[in-house]
N, C-alpha and C. Protein backbone atom coordinates (compact mmCIF):
# COMPACT_ATOMS: atom_id res chain seq x y z
N MET A 1 -43.53 83.96 -95.58
CA MET A 1 -44.69 84.88 -95.31
C MET A 1 -45.43 85.31 -96.76
N LYS A 2 -46.82 85.57 -96.33
CA LYS A 2 -47.47 85.59 -97.35
C LYS A 2 -47.47 87.20 -97.85
N SER A 3 -48.02 87.62 -98.98
CA SER A 3 -48.35 88.77 -99.51
C SER A 3 -49.23 89.64 -99.33
N PRO A 4 -49.10 90.93 -99.18
CA PRO A 4 -50.54 91.52 -98.60
C PRO A 4 -51.40 91.42 -99.74
N ILE A 5 -52.61 91.47 -99.27
CA ILE A 5 -53.97 91.26 -100.11
C ILE A 5 -54.66 92.74 -100.48
N SER A 6 -55.02 92.87 -101.96
CA SER A 6 -55.68 94.10 -101.95
C SER A 6 -57.28 94.16 -102.44
N ILE A 7 -57.87 94.60 -102.59
CA ILE A 7 -59.27 94.84 -103.07
C ILE A 7 -59.42 95.80 -103.84
N ARG A 8 -59.97 95.04 -104.69
CA ARG A 8 -60.46 96.37 -105.98
C ARG A 8 -61.50 95.75 -106.97
N PRO A 9 -62.41 96.66 -107.35
CA PRO A 9 -63.25 96.23 -108.30
C PRO A 9 -62.95 95.45 -109.41
N TYR A 10 -64.02 94.74 -109.98
CA TYR A 10 -63.69 93.73 -111.23
C TYR A 10 -63.86 94.76 -112.31
N VAL A 11 -62.70 94.18 -113.49
CA VAL A 11 -63.00 94.65 -114.78
C VAL A 11 -62.87 93.59 -115.92
N PRO A 12 -63.62 93.70 -116.63
CA PRO A 12 -63.69 92.65 -117.90
C PRO A 12 -62.42 91.53 -118.14
N ALA A 13 -61.10 92.28 -118.22
CA ALA A 13 -59.96 91.54 -118.37
C ALA A 13 -59.85 90.24 -117.09
N ASP A 14 -60.68 90.43 -116.18
CA ASP A 14 -60.49 89.54 -115.06
C ASP A 14 -61.42 88.27 -115.08
N TYR A 15 -62.08 88.37 -116.26
CA TYR A 15 -63.13 87.31 -116.41
C TYR A 15 -62.67 85.98 -116.00
N GLU A 16 -61.59 85.56 -116.66
CA GLU A 16 -61.23 84.10 -116.74
C GLU A 16 -60.53 83.85 -115.24
N ALA A 17 -59.91 84.83 -114.71
CA ALA A 17 -59.61 84.42 -113.10
C ALA A 17 -61.02 84.18 -112.20
N VAL A 18 -61.80 85.21 -112.46
CA VAL A 18 -63.05 85.01 -111.46
C VAL A 18 -63.85 83.64 -111.82
N ARG A 19 -64.00 83.15 -112.99
CA ARG A 19 -64.19 82.29 -113.21
C ARG A 19 -63.63 81.00 -112.62
N ALA A 20 -62.48 81.13 -112.73
CA ALA A 20 -61.62 79.85 -112.36
C ALA A 20 -61.83 79.50 -110.69
N LEU A 21 -62.12 80.93 -110.38
CA LEU A 21 -62.32 80.63 -108.51
C LEU A 21 -63.72 80.42 -108.49
N TYR A 22 -65.05 80.66 -109.20
CA TYR A 22 -66.47 79.74 -109.44
C TYR A 22 -66.02 78.43 -109.56
N GLU A 23 -65.31 77.98 -110.52
CA GLU A 23 -65.24 76.46 -110.64
C GLU A 23 -64.56 75.27 -109.63
N ILE A 24 -63.66 76.29 -108.80
CA ILE A 24 -63.07 75.37 -107.90
C ILE A 24 -64.06 74.98 -106.89
N PRO A 25 -64.24 73.63 -106.48
CA PRO A 25 -64.98 73.21 -105.58
C PRO A 25 -64.83 73.51 -104.24
N GLY A 26 -63.39 73.80 -103.98
CA GLY A 26 -63.39 73.92 -102.58
C GLY A 26 -63.36 75.37 -102.08
N THR A 27 -63.74 76.46 -103.07
CA THR A 27 -63.54 78.23 -102.69
C THR A 27 -64.86 78.08 -102.10
N PHE A 28 -64.86 78.92 -100.92
CA PHE A 28 -65.76 79.40 -99.84
C PHE A 28 -66.74 79.95 -100.79
N GLY A 29 -67.90 79.25 -101.12
CA GLY A 29 -69.21 79.64 -101.69
C GLY A 29 -68.98 79.63 -103.34
N GLY A 30 -67.91 79.13 -103.74
CA GLY A 30 -67.69 79.38 -104.98
C GLY A 30 -68.49 78.18 -105.82
N GLN A 31 -69.19 78.52 -106.57
CA GLN A 31 -69.57 77.46 -107.70
C GLN A 31 -69.99 78.24 -108.99
N PHE A 32 -69.66 77.48 -110.25
CA PHE A 32 -69.98 78.35 -111.24
C PHE A 32 -70.97 78.37 -112.28
N ASP A 33 -71.65 79.02 -112.35
CA ASP A 33 -73.31 79.09 -113.20
C ASP A 33 -72.96 79.82 -114.35
N GLU A 34 -73.21 78.81 -115.61
CA GLU A 34 -73.02 79.45 -116.91
C GLU A 34 -73.76 80.58 -117.10
N ASP A 35 -75.23 81.05 -116.78
CA ASP A 35 -76.15 82.00 -116.63
C ASP A 35 -75.71 83.41 -115.78
N ARG A 36 -75.53 83.00 -114.63
CA ARG A 36 -75.27 84.06 -113.56
C ARG A 36 -73.80 84.79 -114.14
N ASP A 37 -73.11 83.74 -114.29
CA ASP A 37 -71.75 84.15 -114.15
C ASP A 37 -71.05 84.07 -115.71
N SER A 38 -71.77 84.82 -116.57
CA SER A 38 -71.25 84.81 -118.16
C SER A 38 -70.34 85.83 -118.01
N LYS A 39 -69.32 86.03 -119.05
CA LYS A 39 -68.82 87.27 -119.07
C LYS A 39 -69.91 88.60 -119.34
N GLU A 40 -70.59 88.42 -120.43
CA GLU A 40 -71.69 89.28 -120.66
C GLU A 40 -72.35 89.63 -119.46
N ARG A 41 -73.13 89.01 -118.54
CA ARG A 41 -73.72 89.35 -117.32
C ARG A 41 -72.72 90.32 -116.44
N LEU A 42 -71.55 89.77 -115.74
CA LEU A 42 -70.50 90.49 -115.30
C LEU A 42 -70.38 91.58 -116.03
N VAL A 43 -70.31 92.26 -116.92
CA VAL A 43 -70.18 93.09 -117.69
C VAL A 43 -71.07 94.15 -117.47
N GLU A 44 -72.45 93.21 -117.68
CA GLU A 44 -73.75 94.40 -117.56
C GLU A 44 -73.95 95.04 -116.18
N GLN A 45 -73.49 93.99 -115.18
CA GLN A 45 -73.61 94.34 -113.73
C GLN A 45 -72.48 95.41 -113.47
N ILE A 46 -71.16 95.33 -113.76
CA ILE A 46 -70.40 96.48 -113.16
C ILE A 46 -70.64 97.87 -114.26
N ALA A 47 -71.50 97.77 -115.47
CA ALA A 47 -71.95 98.93 -116.05
C ALA A 47 -72.94 99.84 -115.07
N LYS A 48 -73.71 98.98 -114.57
CA LYS A 48 -74.84 99.78 -113.62
C LYS A 48 -74.29 100.22 -112.41
N ASP A 49 -72.98 99.34 -111.79
CA ASP A 49 -72.48 99.54 -110.68
C ASP A 49 -71.16 99.10 -110.68
N ALA A 50 -70.17 99.79 -110.82
CA ALA A 50 -69.00 99.74 -110.75
C ALA A 50 -68.16 98.99 -109.77
N SER A 51 -68.71 99.25 -108.37
CA SER A 51 -67.89 98.39 -107.59
C SER A 51 -69.12 97.20 -106.99
N SER A 52 -69.79 96.81 -107.96
CA SER A 52 -70.83 95.74 -107.52
C SER A 52 -70.14 94.39 -107.38
N ILE A 53 -68.62 93.94 -108.20
CA ILE A 53 -68.02 93.06 -107.84
C ILE A 53 -66.82 93.39 -107.44
N LEU A 54 -66.21 92.83 -106.36
CA LEU A 54 -65.07 93.27 -105.85
C LEU A 54 -63.96 92.19 -105.85
N LEU A 55 -62.62 92.38 -106.00
CA LEU A 55 -61.83 91.24 -106.10
C LEU A 55 -60.67 91.28 -105.01
N ALA A 56 -60.37 90.43 -104.54
CA ALA A 56 -59.04 90.16 -103.58
C ALA A 56 -57.87 90.03 -104.38
N GLU A 57 -56.86 90.80 -104.56
CA GLU A 57 -55.69 90.72 -105.43
C GLU A 57 -54.48 90.16 -104.68
N GLU A 58 -53.50 89.29 -104.69
CA GLU A 58 -52.12 88.92 -104.19
C GLU A 58 -51.25 88.80 -105.18
N GLY A 59 -50.48 89.61 -104.95
CA GLY A 59 -49.01 89.52 -105.93
C GLY A 59 -49.42 89.34 -107.48
N GLY A 60 -50.52 90.30 -107.47
CA GLY A 60 -51.06 90.06 -109.26
C GLY A 60 -52.08 88.78 -109.54
N ARG A 61 -51.96 88.23 -108.54
CA ARG A 61 -53.24 87.01 -108.68
C ARG A 61 -54.48 87.18 -108.30
N ILE A 62 -55.68 86.91 -108.89
CA ILE A 62 -56.95 87.09 -108.35
C ILE A 62 -57.07 85.64 -107.11
N VAL A 63 -57.45 86.01 -105.59
CA VAL A 63 -57.57 85.35 -104.92
C VAL A 63 -58.99 85.17 -104.49
N GLY A 64 -59.69 86.12 -104.77
CA GLY A 64 -61.27 86.09 -104.26
C GLY A 64 -62.03 86.91 -104.67
N THR A 65 -63.56 86.79 -104.64
CA THR A 65 -63.92 87.66 -105.07
C THR A 65 -65.51 87.70 -104.42
N VAL A 66 -66.17 88.72 -104.21
CA VAL A 66 -67.80 88.71 -103.71
C VAL A 66 -68.78 89.51 -104.31
N SER A 67 -69.70 89.70 -104.51
CA SER A 67 -70.63 90.45 -105.39
C SER A 67 -71.52 91.30 -104.53
N ILE A 68 -71.70 92.27 -104.87
CA ILE A 68 -72.81 93.58 -104.01
C ILE A 68 -73.97 93.35 -104.67
N LEU A 69 -75.04 93.13 -104.24
CA LEU A 69 -76.61 93.36 -104.82
C LEU A 69 -77.16 94.12 -103.74
N ALA A 70 -77.60 95.35 -104.17
CA ALA A 70 -78.11 96.12 -103.46
C ALA A 70 -79.25 97.12 -104.03
N ASP A 71 -80.32 97.40 -103.52
CA ASP A 71 -81.35 98.20 -103.68
C ASP A 71 -81.52 99.41 -102.81
N ASN A 72 -82.65 100.26 -102.58
CA ASN A 72 -82.51 100.82 -101.79
C ASN A 72 -83.52 100.34 -100.29
N ARG A 73 -83.72 98.86 -100.60
CA ARG A 73 -84.24 98.56 -99.55
C ARG A 73 -83.52 97.26 -98.82
N PHE A 74 -82.50 96.65 -99.63
CA PHE A 74 -81.84 95.36 -99.58
C PHE A 74 -80.73 95.47 -99.67
N ALA A 75 -79.90 94.86 -98.66
CA ALA A 75 -78.43 95.03 -99.30
C ALA A 75 -77.73 93.49 -98.86
N TRP A 76 -77.01 93.08 -100.12
CA TRP A 76 -76.59 91.65 -100.07
C TRP A 76 -75.14 91.27 -100.24
N LEU A 77 -74.37 90.66 -99.80
CA LEU A 77 -73.24 90.11 -99.98
C LEU A 77 -73.36 88.67 -100.70
N MET A 78 -73.01 88.30 -101.95
CA MET A 78 -73.32 86.99 -102.47
C MET A 78 -72.01 86.91 -103.60
N ARG A 79 -71.99 85.33 -103.71
CA ARG A 79 -71.40 84.64 -104.67
C ARG A 79 -69.48 84.80 -104.46
N PHE A 80 -69.39 84.72 -102.72
CA PHE A 80 -68.25 84.79 -102.21
C PHE A 80 -67.20 83.38 -102.70
N ALA A 81 -66.22 83.58 -102.96
CA ALA A 81 -65.30 82.46 -103.84
C ALA A 81 -63.83 82.93 -103.37
N ALA A 82 -63.09 82.28 -102.56
CA ALA A 82 -61.57 82.62 -102.32
C ALA A 82 -60.92 81.45 -102.22
N THR A 83 -59.65 81.68 -102.41
CA THR A 83 -58.51 80.57 -102.31
C THR A 83 -57.68 81.00 -100.97
N ASP A 84 -57.84 82.11 -100.55
CA ASP A 84 -57.08 82.41 -99.31
C ASP A 84 -58.29 83.10 -98.50
N PRO A 85 -58.35 82.46 -97.25
CA PRO A 85 -59.23 83.02 -96.46
C PRO A 85 -59.19 84.15 -95.71
N ARG A 86 -57.93 85.07 -96.00
CA ARG A 86 -57.88 86.20 -95.72
C ARG A 86 -58.44 87.42 -96.41
N ALA A 87 -58.82 86.66 -97.75
CA ALA A 87 -59.62 87.31 -98.85
C ALA A 87 -60.72 87.62 -98.37
N ILE A 88 -61.81 86.70 -97.74
CA ILE A 88 -62.79 86.74 -97.25
C ILE A 88 -63.13 87.63 -96.53
N ASP A 89 -62.36 87.59 -95.44
CA ASP A 89 -62.71 88.90 -94.49
C ASP A 89 -62.36 90.02 -94.80
N MET A 90 -61.63 90.45 -95.87
CA MET A 90 -61.20 91.94 -96.54
C MET A 90 -62.39 91.88 -97.54
N LEU A 91 -62.67 90.98 -98.47
CA LEU A 91 -63.73 91.31 -99.11
C LEU A 91 -65.10 91.87 -98.19
N CYS A 92 -65.55 90.88 -97.35
CA CYS A 92 -66.65 91.15 -96.61
C CYS A 92 -66.61 92.58 -96.27
N ASP A 93 -65.09 93.13 -95.61
CA ASP A 93 -65.31 94.58 -94.74
C ASP A 93 -65.41 95.56 -95.84
N GLU A 94 -64.47 95.16 -96.95
CA GLU A 94 -65.28 96.32 -98.03
C GLU A 94 -66.27 96.75 -98.45
N GLY A 95 -67.09 95.51 -98.49
CA GLY A 95 -68.28 95.25 -99.15
C GLY A 95 -69.35 95.99 -98.19
N CYS A 96 -68.86 95.91 -96.92
CA CYS A 96 -69.88 96.35 -95.80
C CYS A 96 -69.46 97.80 -95.72
N LYS A 97 -68.20 98.25 -96.12
CA LYS A 97 -68.34 99.69 -96.30
C LYS A 97 -68.93 100.28 -96.97
N ILE A 98 -68.86 99.55 -98.54
CA ILE A 98 -69.42 100.25 -99.56
C ILE A 98 -71.35 100.35 -99.25
N LEU A 99 -71.51 99.58 -98.74
CA LEU A 99 -72.85 99.57 -98.52
C LEU A 99 -73.22 100.30 -97.18
N LYS A 100 -72.46 100.64 -96.24
CA LYS A 100 -73.03 101.31 -95.22
C LYS A 100 -72.89 103.01 -95.68
N GLU A 101 -71.54 103.15 -96.96
CA GLU A 101 -71.73 104.73 -97.18
C GLU A 101 -73.18 104.57 -98.21
N ARG A 102 -73.74 103.95 -98.86
CA ARG A 102 -74.49 103.59 -99.28
C ARG A 102 -75.88 103.92 -98.39
N GLY A 103 -76.02 104.10 -97.66
CA GLY A 103 -77.11 104.17 -96.35
C GLY A 103 -77.43 103.03 -95.74
N HIS A 104 -77.23 101.82 -95.91
CA HIS A 104 -77.07 100.55 -95.35
C HIS A 104 -77.00 100.32 -93.98
N LYS A 105 -78.16 100.00 -93.14
CA LYS A 105 -77.48 99.68 -91.83
C LYS A 105 -77.42 98.04 -91.40
N GLN A 106 -77.95 97.13 -92.50
CA GLN A 106 -78.11 95.84 -92.38
C GLN A 106 -77.57 95.33 -93.52
N VAL A 107 -76.60 94.22 -93.68
CA VAL A 107 -76.22 93.45 -94.72
C VAL A 107 -76.48 91.99 -94.74
N LEU A 108 -76.94 91.24 -95.50
CA LEU A 108 -77.49 89.95 -95.97
C LEU A 108 -76.45 89.06 -96.54
N VAL A 109 -76.31 87.74 -96.06
CA VAL A 109 -75.55 86.87 -96.76
C VAL A 109 -76.43 85.73 -96.97
N TYR A 110 -76.04 84.78 -97.71
CA TYR A 110 -77.09 83.65 -98.29
C TYR A 110 -76.27 82.36 -98.17
N ALA A 111 -76.68 81.35 -97.55
CA ALA A 111 -75.66 79.98 -97.26
C ALA A 111 -76.47 78.80 -97.27
N PRO A 112 -76.22 77.83 -97.26
CA PRO A 112 -76.75 76.82 -97.05
C PRO A 112 -77.02 76.50 -95.94
N ALA A 113 -78.61 75.82 -95.40
CA ALA A 113 -78.46 75.47 -94.06
C ALA A 113 -77.98 74.41 -93.63
N SER A 114 -77.42 73.56 -94.41
CA SER A 114 -76.98 71.97 -94.05
C SER A 114 -75.35 72.43 -93.65
N ASP A 115 -74.74 73.23 -94.10
CA ASP A 115 -73.40 73.15 -94.23
C ASP A 115 -72.97 73.96 -92.99
N SER A 116 -72.25 73.52 -92.06
CA SER A 116 -72.07 74.06 -90.79
C SER A 116 -70.26 74.73 -90.85
N SER A 117 -69.64 74.85 -92.15
CA SER A 117 -68.65 75.50 -92.18
C SER A 117 -69.16 77.06 -92.79
N PHE A 118 -70.43 77.13 -93.29
CA PHE A 118 -70.96 78.60 -93.26
C PHE A 118 -71.10 78.95 -92.14
N ASP A 119 -71.77 78.44 -91.26
CA ASP A 119 -72.17 78.96 -89.70
C ASP A 119 -70.71 79.49 -89.29
N ILE A 120 -69.96 78.90 -89.19
CA ILE A 120 -68.57 79.21 -88.52
C ILE A 120 -67.75 80.49 -89.23
N ARG A 121 -67.99 80.59 -90.56
CA ARG A 121 -67.17 81.42 -91.19
C ARG A 121 -68.14 82.93 -90.87
N TYR A 122 -69.30 83.05 -91.32
CA TYR A 122 -70.32 84.16 -91.04
C TYR A 122 -70.23 84.44 -89.36
N LYS A 123 -70.45 83.86 -88.68
CA LYS A 123 -70.35 84.13 -87.44
C LYS A 123 -69.03 84.74 -87.05
N SER A 124 -67.84 84.01 -87.68
CA SER A 124 -66.61 84.77 -87.61
C SER A 124 -66.02 86.36 -88.01
N LEU A 125 -67.17 86.48 -88.98
CA LEU A 125 -67.29 87.82 -89.60
C LEU A 125 -68.20 88.64 -88.76
N GLY A 126 -68.95 88.12 -88.16
CA GLY A 126 -69.60 89.18 -87.26
C GLY A 126 -71.44 89.03 -87.80
N PHE A 127 -71.53 88.08 -88.14
CA PHE A 127 -73.25 87.96 -88.73
C PHE A 127 -73.83 87.10 -87.66
N ASN A 128 -75.24 87.54 -87.78
CA ASN A 128 -76.10 86.68 -86.65
C ASN A 128 -76.77 85.67 -87.49
N LYS A 129 -76.98 84.71 -87.17
CA LYS A 129 -78.15 83.73 -87.97
C LYS A 129 -79.21 83.91 -87.77
N GLY A 130 -79.82 84.04 -88.72
CA GLY A 130 -81.45 83.81 -88.95
C GLY A 130 -81.96 82.42 -88.85
N ASP A 131 -83.16 82.52 -89.21
CA ASP A 131 -84.03 81.06 -89.45
C ASP A 131 -83.61 80.45 -90.51
N ASN A 132 -83.57 79.24 -90.75
CA ASN A 132 -83.74 78.51 -92.05
C ASN A 132 -84.62 78.48 -92.70
N TYR A 133 -84.78 79.02 -94.35
CA TYR A 133 -85.48 79.12 -95.11
C TYR A 133 -85.10 78.28 -96.23
N ALA A 134 -85.76 77.94 -96.95
CA ALA A 134 -85.46 77.13 -98.20
C ALA A 134 -85.73 78.25 -99.43
N CYS A 135 -84.94 78.29 -100.05
CA CYS A 135 -84.76 79.04 -101.32
C CYS A 135 -85.53 78.35 -102.71
N PHE A 136 -86.94 79.02 -103.32
CA PHE A 136 -87.63 78.17 -104.23
C PHE A 136 -87.31 79.06 -105.35
N TRP A 137 -86.77 78.36 -106.49
CA TRP A 137 -86.65 78.73 -107.88
C TRP A 137 -87.32 78.22 -108.88
N LYS A 138 -87.57 78.94 -110.22
CA LYS A 138 -87.77 78.48 -111.34
C LYS A 138 -87.21 78.95 -112.59
N GLU A 139 -87.19 78.20 -113.86
CA GLU A 139 -86.55 78.92 -114.78
C GLU A 139 -87.55 79.43 -115.72
N ILE A 140 -87.01 80.89 -116.38
CA ILE A 140 -88.15 81.60 -116.73
C ILE A 140 -87.66 81.75 -118.23
């Protein structure tokens, strides 16, 4: 029987465990990016909003994470990565709860349009699929 999972905010001491999750190719949505996921960037983020990075913990081990990106208009759950599928459900629920408490009535997620596993996962979490869009970016 698996241990219970708890959800808590990220603290800087969690960095190596979170980075390891992002580096595992098989984690749901996990993909390490040196700029976005540097220790300094994560510290800056939680300094602005202590609950903007959530962790799922099982038996003292970090098994999942999600980031909340929100302002007064938009609310996103981003950077999902988990080694335990239960963590995704719990992180999604906690992220939505936080956003609802902040007055949001809708939350968005971002996923590659060509990966059907994301369709299955997000639909199982109660999300509606919108139209497919391409994301454009540039280095600045």
